């Protein structure tokens, strides 16, 4: 039997992610906001299957988000390199985000 996978974090993590999700929506970065929502649901002990249903994503996609979150923290939620339109978060936006999350170099430790 496989172990159930959940995102690592606590109440403070959820509070920080709520703020981050608002910012992502305001900055019109819906894919990042959706990843944040998925991680938040996992922190609230929703299963990968249930999260996938709610967010209309494949289970393997949600599973990947959670694994990346657990391994890399906040950096895993940002967009990777794409050949399309440039990133919406400027360096200033990213610095602001880091300030919101506690000004530490290791994002998983402060969430």
Protein backbone atom coordinates (compact mmCIF):
# COMPACT_ATOMS: atom_id res chain seq x y z
CA UNK A 1 0.00 0.00 0.00
CA UNK A 2 1.34 3.42 -0.97
CA UNK A 3 1.79 6.09 1.67
CA UNK A 4 -0.50 9.08 1.31
CA UNK A 5 1.36 12.16 0.14
CA UNK A 6 0.74 15.53 1.79
CA UNK A 7 2.54 18.85 1.53
CA UNK A 8 4.82 19.73 4.43
CA UNK A 9 3.89 22.77 6.50
CA UNK A 10 1.67 24.12 9.22
CA UNK A 11 -0.94 26.83 9.93
CA UNK A 12 1.61 29.58 9.36
CA UNK A 13 2.46 28.04 6.00
CA UNK A 14 -1.19 28.18 4.97
CA UNK A 15 -1.46 31.82 6.07
CA UNK A 16 1.64 32.73 4.05
CA UNK A 17 0.36 30.84 1.02
CA UNK A 18 -3.00 32.62 1.19
CA UNK A 19 -1.19 35.95 0.93
CA UNK A 20 0.99 34.63 -1.87
CA UNK A 21 -2.07 33.34 -3.77
CA UNK A 22 -3.75 36.75 -3.54
CA UNK A 23 -0.60 38.32 -4.95
CA UNK A 24 -0.38 35.79 -7.78
CA UNK A 25 -4.01 36.44 -8.74
CA UNK A 26 -3.48 40.19 -8.58
CA UNK A 27 -0.37 39.84 -10.76
CA UNK A 28 -2.34 37.68 -13.22
CA UNK A 29 -0.29 34.53 -12.76
CA UNK A 30 -3.12 31.98 -12.55
CA UNK A 31 -0.95 28.88 -12.95
CA UNK A 32 1.10 29.86 -9.90
CA UNK A 33 -2.12 30.64 -7.98
CA UNK A 34 -3.46 27.20 -8.89
CA UNK A 35 -0.30 25.46 -7.67
CA UNK A 36 -0.51 27.41 -4.42
CA UNK A 37 -4.15 26.36 -4.03
CA UNK A 38 -3.17 22.74 -4.58
CA UNK A 39 -0.46 22.89 -1.94
CA UNK A 40 -2.82 24.63 0.50
CA UNK A 41 -5.42 21.90 0.01
CA UNK A 42 -2.77 19.25 0.59
CA UNK A 43 -1.71 21.01 3.80
CA UNK A 44 -5.35 20.74 4.87
CA UNK A 45 -5.08 16.96 4.28
CA UNK A 46 -7.07 16.71 1.06
CA UNK A 47 -5.94 13.76 -1.06
CA UNK A 48 -4.13 14.20 -4.36
CA UNK A 49 -7.19 12.68 -6.06
CA UNK A 50 -9.58 15.20 -4.46
CA UNK A 51 -7.29 18.15 -5.22
CA UNK A 52 -7.01 17.03 -8.86
CA UNK A 53 -10.81 16.87 -9.12
CA UNK A 54 -11.35 20.31 -7.58
CA UNK A 55 -8.65 22.00 -9.67
CA UNK A 56 -9.41 20.07 -12.89
CA UNK A 57 -5.87 18.74 -13.14
CA UNK A 58 -4.47 15.27 -13.63
CA UNK A 59 -3.51 13.43 -10.44
CA UNK A 60 0.10 13.13 -11.61
CA UNK A 61 0.29 16.92 -12.03
CA UNK A 62 -0.92 17.55 -8.48
CA UNK A 63 1.38 14.82 -7.19
CA UNK A 64 4.32 16.58 -8.89
CA UNK A 65 3.39 19.94 -7.33
CA UNK A 66 3.41 18.43 -3.86
CA UNK A 67 6.68 16.55 -4.36
CA UNK A 68 8.34 19.71 -5.70
CA UNK A 69 6.92 21.77 -2.80
CA UNK A 70 8.26 19.29 -0.26
CA UNK A 71 11.70 19.25 -1.90
CA UNK A 72 12.15 22.90 -2.90
CA UNK A 73 9.58 24.94 -1.01
CA UNK A 74 8.27 28.20 -2.42
CA UNK A 75 10.61 28.19 -5.45
CA UNK A 76 8.81 25.13 -6.79
CA UNK A 77 5.60 27.13 -7.26
CA UNK A 78 7.05 29.64 -9.70
CA UNK A 79 7.01 29.21 -13.44
CA UNK A 80 9.96 27.46 -15.01
CA UNK A 81 11.53 28.57 -18.26
CA UNK A 82 9.04 28.72 -21.09
CA UNK A 83 9.49 29.81 -24.66
CA UNK A 84 6.28 31.86 -24.50
CA UNK A 85 5.47 35.14 -22.82
CA UNK A 86 7.94 36.40 -20.21
CA UNK A 87 7.40 35.97 -16.47
CA UNK A 88 4.87 38.21 -14.75
CA UNK A 89 6.79 38.55 -11.48
CA UNK A 90 9.56 41.10 -11.72
CA UNK A 91 12.64 40.94 -9.51
CA UNK A 92 10.98 43.52 -7.23
CA UNK A 93 7.85 41.36 -7.02
CA UNK A 94 9.96 38.33 -6.14
CA UNK A 95 11.79 40.29 -3.44
CA UNK A 96 8.44 41.42 -2.01
CA UNK A 97 7.28 37.82 -2.00
CA UNK A 98 10.39 36.75 -0.10
CA UNK A 99 9.73 39.51 2.45
CA UNK A 100 6.18 38.25 2.94
CA UNK A 101 7.53 34.75 3.55
CA UNK A 102 9.92 35.75 6.28
CA UNK A 103 13.21 36.87 4.74
CA UNK A 104 14.98 33.53 4.97
CA UNK A 105 17.10 31.80 2.38
CA UNK A 106 15.51 28.41 2.95
CA UNK A 107 11.81 28.79 2.19
CA UNK A 108 10.73 25.43 3.55
CA UNK A 109 12.12 26.25 6.99
CA UNK A 110 10.01 29.37 7.45
CA UNK A 111 6.71 28.04 6.14
